[in-house]
Protein backbone atom coordinates (compact mmCIF):
# COMPACT_ATOMS: atom_id res chain seq x y z
CA UNK A 1 23.90 -146.90 -1.99
CA UNK A 2 23.09 -144.03 0.38
CA UNK A 3 25.79 -143.88 3.01
CA UNK A 4 25.25 -140.24 4.03
CA UNK A 5 25.76 -139.83 7.77
CA UNK A 6 23.03 -137.75 9.60
CA UNK A 7 24.98 -135.14 11.50
CA UNK A 8 23.47 -133.26 14.44
CA UNK A 9 25.08 -130.10 15.74
CA UNK A 10 24.10 -130.16 19.45
CA UNK A 11 23.78 -126.56 20.53
CA UNK A 12 21.90 -127.54 23.74
CA UNK A 13 22.03 -124.69 26.30
CA UNK A 14 24.83 -122.81 24.48
CA UNK A 15 22.39 -120.10 23.47
CA UNK A 16 22.94 -118.58 26.99
CA UNK A 17 19.25 -117.42 26.83
CA UNK A 18 20.32 -114.81 24.29
CA UNK A 19 18.17 -114.78 21.13
CA UNK A 20 21.02 -113.42 18.94
CA UNK A 21 23.37 -116.12 20.13
CA UNK A 22 20.73 -118.72 19.26
CA UNK A 23 20.31 -117.31 15.74
CA UNK A 24 24.08 -117.14 15.23
CA UNK A 25 24.24 -120.80 16.30
CA UNK A 26 21.69 -121.76 13.66
CA UNK A 27 23.60 -119.83 11.01
CA UNK A 28 26.91 -121.39 12.04
CA UNK A 29 25.40 -124.80 12.02
CA UNK A 30 23.93 -124.31 8.53
CA UNK A 31 27.27 -123.07 7.24
CA UNK A 32 29.13 -126.01 8.63
CA UNK A 33 27.11 -128.48 6.61
CA UNK A 34 25.41 -130.37 9.48
CA UNK A 35 21.92 -131.75 8.77
CA UNK A 36 20.27 -130.57 11.97
CA UNK A 37 20.84 -128.29 14.89
CA UNK A 38 19.50 -129.42 18.26
CA UNK A 39 18.45 -127.54 21.31
CA UNK A 40 17.01 -128.92 24.57
CA UNK A 41 13.68 -128.22 26.13
CA UNK A 42 13.52 -128.65 29.86
CA UNK A 43 12.79 -127.02 33.24
CA UNK A 44 14.24 -127.58 36.62
CA UNK A 45 10.73 -128.37 38.07
CA UNK A 46 10.21 -131.42 35.80
CA UNK A 47 13.85 -132.51 35.57
CA UNK A 48 15.08 -132.49 39.15
CA UNK A 49 13.37 -132.85 42.51
CA UNK A 50 13.58 -129.59 44.47
CA UNK A 51 15.56 -131.34 47.32
CA UNK A 52 18.29 -132.72 45.01
CA UNK A 53 21.65 -132.69 46.76
CA UNK A 54 24.81 -131.25 45.21
CA UNK A 55 26.58 -133.63 42.93
CA UNK A 56 29.34 -133.89 40.26
CA UNK A 57 30.63 -130.50 41.21
CA UNK A 58 27.26 -128.77 40.72
CA UNK A 59 25.74 -126.76 43.57
CA UNK A 60 21.99 -125.94 43.57
CA UNK A 61 21.29 -127.87 40.33
CA UNK A 62 17.80 -126.50 40.15
CA UNK A 63 19.07 -122.92 39.87
CA UNK A 64 21.58 -123.98 37.23
CA UNK A 65 18.90 -125.54 35.13
CA UNK A 66 16.64 -122.55 35.42
CA UNK A 67 19.57 -120.27 34.50
CA UNK A 68 20.33 -122.15 31.22
CA UNK A 69 16.84 -123.44 30.17
CA UNK A 70 15.71 -122.62 26.70
CA UNK A 71 12.85 -120.03 26.76
CA UNK A 72 9.97 -122.19 25.47
CA UNK A 73 8.36 -119.26 23.67
CA UNK A 74 11.35 -119.30 21.33
CA UNK A 75 10.69 -122.77 19.89
CA UNK A 76 8.41 -121.88 16.97
CA UNK A 77 10.63 -118.97 15.97
CA UNK A 78 13.77 -121.25 16.22
CA UNK A 79 12.08 -123.68 13.89
CA UNK A 80 11.30 -120.85 11.43
CA UNK A 81 14.90 -119.64 11.58
CA UNK A 82 16.13 -123.20 10.89
CA UNK A 83 13.75 -123.42 7.89
CA UNK A 84 15.07 -120.16 6.56
CA UNK A 85 18.60 -121.43 6.83
CA UNK A 86 17.86 -124.82 5.27
CA UNK A 87 18.65 -126.88 8.36
CA UNK A 88 16.46 -129.22 10.37
CA UNK A 89 15.35 -127.92 13.81
CA UNK A 90 15.50 -130.48 16.71
CA UNK A 91 15.11 -130.17 20.44
CA UNK A 92 15.42 -132.88 23.04
CA UNK A 93 12.31 -133.01 25.26
CA UNK A 94 12.65 -133.67 29.02
CA UNK A 95 9.02 -133.62 30.03
CA UNK A 96 5.48 -134.28 28.63
CA UNK A 97 4.80 -130.66 27.95
CA UNK A 98 7.99 -130.43 25.87
CA UNK A 99 6.87 -133.45 23.74
CA UNK A 100 3.55 -131.69 23.08
CA UNK A 101 5.18 -128.36 22.30
CA UNK A 102 7.63 -129.86 19.87
CA UNK A 103 4.93 -131.84 18.10
CA UNK A 104 3.01 -128.57 17.55
CA UNK A 105 6.15 -126.84 16.26
CA UNK A 106 6.49 -129.68 13.71
CA UNK A 107 9.72 -131.50 14.49
CA UNK A 108 10.56 -134.41 12.19
CA UNK A 109 12.02 -136.66 14.95
CA UNK A 110 12.73 -136.90 18.62
CA UNK A 111 16.04 -137.40 20.39
CA UNK A 112 15.97 -138.93 23.87
CA UNK A 113 18.98 -138.00 26.07
CA UNK A 114 21.24 -140.55 27.61
CA UNK A 115 20.12 -139.95 31.24
CA UNK A 116 16.49 -140.30 30.16
CA UNK A 117 16.80 -143.31 27.78
CA UNK A 118 16.51 -145.89 30.57
CA UNK A 119 13.26 -144.25 31.80
CA UNK A 120 10.54 -146.63 30.32
CA UNK A 121 7.77 -144.26 31.27
CA UNK A 122 9.31 -141.37 29.37
CA UNK A 123 10.48 -143.47 26.39
CA UNK A 124 6.87 -144.73 25.99
CA UNK A 125 5.54 -141.12 25.88
CA UNK A 126 7.97 -140.25 23.07
CA UNK A 127 7.15 -143.51 21.20
CA UNK A 128 3.52 -142.73 21.27
CA UNK A 129 4.09 -139.72 19.04
CA UNK A 130 4.79 -142.02 16.11
CA UNK A 131 7.89 -139.95 15.04
CA UNK A 132 11.31 -141.49 14.43
CA UNK A 133 13.38 -141.80 17.63
CA UNK A 134 17.02 -141.30 18.26
CA UNK A 135 18.28 -142.20 21.68
CA UNK A 136 21.57 -142.26 23.43
CA UNK A 137 22.53 -145.58 24.96
CA UNK A 138 24.99 -144.42 27.49
CA UNK A 139 25.09 -144.54 31.27
CA UNK A 140 22.81 -147.28 32.73
CA UNK A 141 22.64 -149.24 29.44
CA UNK A 142 23.68 -152.88 29.06
CA UNK A 143 22.42 -155.25 26.40
CA UNK A 144 19.36 -156.29 28.53
CA UNK A 145 18.39 -152.68 29.14
CA UNK A 146 18.84 -151.86 25.51
CA UNK A 147 16.79 -154.78 24.34
CA UNK A 148 14.03 -153.82 26.77
CA UNK A 149 13.92 -150.19 25.65
CA UNK A 150 13.88 -151.25 21.92
CA UNK A 151 11.11 -153.78 22.55
CA UNK A 152 9.08 -151.11 24.45
CA UNK A 153 9.38 -148.79 21.44
CA UNK A 154 8.47 -151.57 19.03
CA UNK A 155 5.48 -152.53 21.09
CA UNK A 156 4.14 -148.98 21.03
CA UNK A 157 5.08 -148.29 17.42
CA UNK A 158 6.13 -151.47 15.40
CA UNK A 159 7.17 -149.36 12.35
CA UNK A 160 9.26 -146.84 14.33
CA UNK A 161 12.45 -145.65 12.72
CA UNK A 162 14.96 -146.08 15.66
CA UNK A 163 18.58 -145.01 15.92
CA UNK A 164 20.71 -146.03 18.95
CA UNK A 165 23.65 -143.72 19.61
CA UNK A 166 26.52 -145.28 21.51
CA UNK A 167 27.34 -142.79 24.18
CA UNK A 168 29.51 -142.10 27.26
CA UNK A 169 27.73 -139.67 29.56
CA UNK A 170 30.88 -138.12 31.08
CA UNK A 171 31.35 -134.42 30.12
CA UNK A 172 33.93 -134.44 28.68
CA UNK A 173 34.62 -138.03 27.86
CA UNK A 174 38.25 -139.09 27.92
CA UNK A 175 39.40 -140.75 24.69
CA UNK A 176 40.25 -143.95 26.60
CA UNK A 177 36.59 -144.21 27.75
CA UNK A 178 34.74 -143.67 24.43
CA UNK A 179 35.00 -147.42 23.48
CA UNK A 180 34.21 -147.02 19.81
CA UNK A 181 34.34 -150.76 19.29
CA UNK A 182 30.87 -150.77 20.78
CA UNK A 183 29.59 -149.43 17.43
CA UNK A 184 30.46 -152.59 15.58
CA UNK A 185 29.22 -154.68 18.46
CA UNK A 186 25.87 -152.97 18.29
CA UNK A 187 25.71 -153.26 14.51
CA UNK A 188 26.40 -157.00 14.74
CA UNK A 189 23.99 -157.59 17.61
CA UNK A 190 20.71 -159.58 17.01
CA UNK A 191 17.93 -157.66 18.69
CA UNK A 192 15.05 -160.02 19.47
CA UNK A 193 11.42 -159.01 19.40
CA UNK A 194 12.15 -155.64 17.73
CA UNK A 195 13.29 -154.18 14.49
CA UNK A 196 17.07 -153.82 14.17
CA UNK A 197 17.91 -150.13 14.89
CA UNK A 198 20.39 -147.99 13.10
CA UNK A 199 23.58 -147.28 15.04
CA UNK A 200 25.43 -143.95 15.63
CA UNK A 201 27.44 -142.01 18.14
CA UNK A 202 26.68 -139.17 20.56
CA UNK A 203 30.17 -137.83 21.18
CA UNK A 204 31.28 -135.86 24.24
CA UNK A 205 35.03 -136.09 23.71
CA UNK A 206 37.02 -132.97 23.07
CA UNK A 207 38.04 -132.14 19.59
CA UNK A 208 36.94 -133.62 16.22
CA UNK A 209 38.94 -136.84 16.04
CA UNK A 210 36.32 -139.35 17.21
CA UNK A 211 33.25 -138.73 14.99
CA UNK A 212 34.98 -139.57 11.59
CA UNK A 213 36.47 -142.68 13.14
CA UNK A 214 33.01 -143.69 14.31
CA UNK A 215 31.64 -143.24 10.77
CA UNK A 216 34.46 -145.48 9.49
CA UNK A 217 33.33 -148.06 12.01
CA UNK A 218 29.70 -147.91 10.75
CA UNK A 219 27.99 -145.03 12.64
CA UNK A 220 25.04 -143.69 10.66
CA UNK A 221 24.25 -140.77 12.94
CA UNK A 222 26.64 -138.41 14.67
CA UNK A 223 25.72 -135.91 17.38
CA UNK A 224 28.33 -133.44 18.55
CA UNK A 225 28.10 -130.44 20.92
CA UNK A 226 29.15 -127.16 19.49
CA UNK A 227 29.40 -123.51 20.69
CA UNK A 228 30.11 -120.18 19.22
CA UNK A 229 32.98 -119.65 21.70
CA UNK A 230 34.40 -122.09 24.27
CA UNK A 231 35.19 -119.16 26.58
CA UNK A 232 31.54 -118.30 27.14
CA UNK A 233 30.09 -118.90 30.59
CA UNK A 234 28.00 -122.11 30.90
CA UNK A 235 28.37 -125.77 31.69
CA UNK A 236 28.54 -127.07 28.05
CA UNK A 237 30.78 -124.50 26.42
CA UNK A 238 34.22 -125.78 27.58
CA UNK A 239 34.03 -129.26 25.94
CA UNK A 240 32.13 -128.17 22.78
CA UNK A 241 33.75 -127.51 19.47
CA UNK A 242 33.61 -124.15 17.75
CA UNK A 243 32.14 -123.37 14.28
CA UNK A 244 35.28 -123.75 12.31
CA UNK A 245 35.92 -127.16 13.96
CA UNK A 246 32.29 -128.26 13.32
CA UNK A 247 32.77 -127.40 9.65
CA UNK A 248 36.06 -129.39 9.57
CA UNK A 249 34.37 -132.29 11.33
CA UNK A 250 31.61 -132.47 8.71
CA UNK A 251 34.22 -132.25 5.93
CA UNK A 252 36.19 -135.11 7.54
CA UNK A 253 33.07 -137.27 7.84
CA UNK A 254 32.02 -136.61 4.15
CA UNK A 255 35.53 -137.56 3.13
CA UNK A 256 35.38 -140.78 5.14
CA UNK A 257 32.03 -141.67 3.54
CA UNK A 258 33.67 -141.46 0.11
CA UNK A 259 36.31 -143.90 1.17
CA UNK A 260 33.85 -146.50 2.38
CA UNK A 261 32.26 -146.99 -1.02
CA UNK A 262 30.89 -150.43 -1.83
CA UNK A 263 32.11 -153.79 -3.16
CA UNK A 264 32.81 -153.74 -6.94
CA UNK A 265 35.22 -155.36 -9.49
CA UNK A 266 36.85 -152.01 -10.18
CA UNK A 267 36.07 -148.30 -9.59
CA UNK A 268 35.78 -145.55 -12.16
CA UNK A 269 39.28 -144.32 -11.30
CA UNK A 270 40.64 -147.79 -11.99
CA UNK A 271 39.10 -148.10 -15.53
CA UNK A 272 42.15 -146.81 -17.32
CA UNK A 273 44.31 -149.46 -15.47
CA UNK A 274 42.24 -152.53 -16.42
CA UNK A 275 44.61 -153.35 -19.26
CA UNK A 276 47.32 -154.05 -16.60
CA UNK A 277 45.40 -157.22 -15.57
CA UNK A 278 46.17 -160.49 -17.34
CA UNK A 279 44.60 -162.47 -20.14
CA UNK A 280 45.02 -166.11 -21.38
CA UNK A 281 47.78 -166.19 -24.03
CA UNK A 282 49.06 -168.90 -26.32
CA UNK A 283 52.32 -170.41 -25.09
CA UNK A 284 52.82 -172.20 -28.50
CA UNK A 285 51.56 -172.18 -32.04
CA UNK A 286 48.02 -173.57 -32.04
CA UNK A 287 45.99 -175.21 -34.78
CA UNK A 288 42.25 -175.17 -35.09
CA UNK A 289 40.76 -178.01 -33.03
CA UNK A 290 43.69 -178.24 -30.63
CA UNK A 291 42.81 -178.82 -26.96
CA UNK A 292 43.92 -176.13 -24.61
CA UNK A 293 46.42 -177.39 -21.92
CA UNK A 294 48.76 -176.06 -19.34
CA UNK A 295 51.57 -176.71 -21.87
CA UNK A 296 50.15 -174.56 -24.73
CA UNK A 297 48.56 -171.66 -22.92
CA UNK A 298 49.76 -169.25 -20.18
CA UNK A 299 48.74 -165.87 -18.71
CA UNK A 300 50.09 -162.40 -19.47
CA UNK A 301 49.10 -158.81 -19.53
CA UNK A 302 47.09 -156.96 -20.98
CA UNK A 303 43.39 -157.67 -20.42
CA UNK A 304 41.48 -156.47 -23.43
CA UNK A 305 37.64 -156.01 -23.93
CA UNK A 306 37.09 -159.43 -25.59
CA UNK A 307 40.10 -161.34 -24.21
CA UNK A 308 39.61 -164.22 -21.75
CA UNK A 309 40.66 -163.05 -18.22
CA UNK A 310 43.42 -164.98 -16.49
CA UNK A 311 40.91 -165.63 -13.78
CA UNK A 312 39.27 -168.11 -16.20
CA UNK A 313 42.54 -170.03 -16.95
CA UNK A 314 41.46 -173.35 -15.33
CA UNK A 315 38.04 -173.11 -17.00
CA UNK A 316 39.73 -172.85 -20.40
CA UNK A 317 41.78 -176.02 -19.91
CA UNK A 318 40.25 -178.77 -21.87
CA UNK A 319 38.38 -176.54 -24.31
CA UNK A 320 39.09 -176.63 -28.11
CA UNK A 321 40.27 -173.65 -30.12
CA UNK A 322 38.44 -172.86 -33.42
CA UNK A 323 41.23 -170.84 -35.13
CA UNK A 324 44.93 -171.15 -35.92
CA UNK A 325 47.04 -169.00 -33.56
CA UNK A 326 50.69 -168.14 -33.38
CA UNK A 327 52.67 -168.21 -30.20
CA UNK A 328 52.01 -165.30 -27.78
CA UNK A 329 48.56 -164.39 -29.03
CA UNK A 330 45.77 -163.20 -26.72
CA UNK A 331 42.86 -165.54 -26.72
CA UNK A 332 39.34 -164.00 -27.08
CA UNK A 333 36.03 -165.50 -26.22
CA UNK A 334 35.09 -166.21 -29.82
CA UNK A 335 38.28 -168.31 -30.37
CA UNK A 336 37.09 -171.11 -28.03
CA UNK A 337 34.38 -173.72 -28.62
CA UNK A 338 31.85 -173.79 -25.89
């Protein structure tokens, strides 16, 4: 059973348009043990109208976007640097040109951001690439919207590998608003007219508590913002985690994965304790041909390799024994007539 969580270190705009910071981010992500580092490819011209009013505390949003946008000429070199560090390169596209550029660079999958994931036009463009899709189902998503987007992807690419990330699009997200129970709701939801997606979490809470809990609840993909230093200037640094925290988060998730395991009679660590289970034992002296009854057999420890488990006590009642036995002997399978 493969229960390895796909972990994305979201570096986003935390490169601050500094190539050395971008490289350090890749190296830090690789050392932390995440599976992929993700950037974002956008421009103010294609993301916001030029007459967008101030909102959410941001003034002149177009200038802000231009000031933090990833230099697009970096993308191929970022991909090469990721390859050199043994980590997957990802970048979220925000326009048609970005989709084409990332396809040429050779990304393995696309991530659609929460604010874009209700845009059917844009989702269709990404689906037409044929690559696996991860998208954040955050602001603007209810079950009807989610079903509609999944059906759209399925109509374009019926075999598409889709992962839906539960998400709250407040930056940062208060713990009381993350609503992790939604992960199990999504995992138990029947999605009509489309293949059932994998479920994960895009986390914008502060700290590293939430992602391991999400994995325990069934998240298969985790996306978490990180930065080299929360004190750097930029909109995404303050709520992001730092490299040592990212490494600890990955360690916690891998530890949680081990605890999930799978259903089995007993684990490897329990093997030496099997003898502490019970077997069927003679309560009285028995003669060959005697019928086993509740009066002449009972259950006691230990459970040996060939002994009859106590679980089978009621199955043994009414069977005949084919040997003479003294009181308090462990019955084995070959002592009983079938």
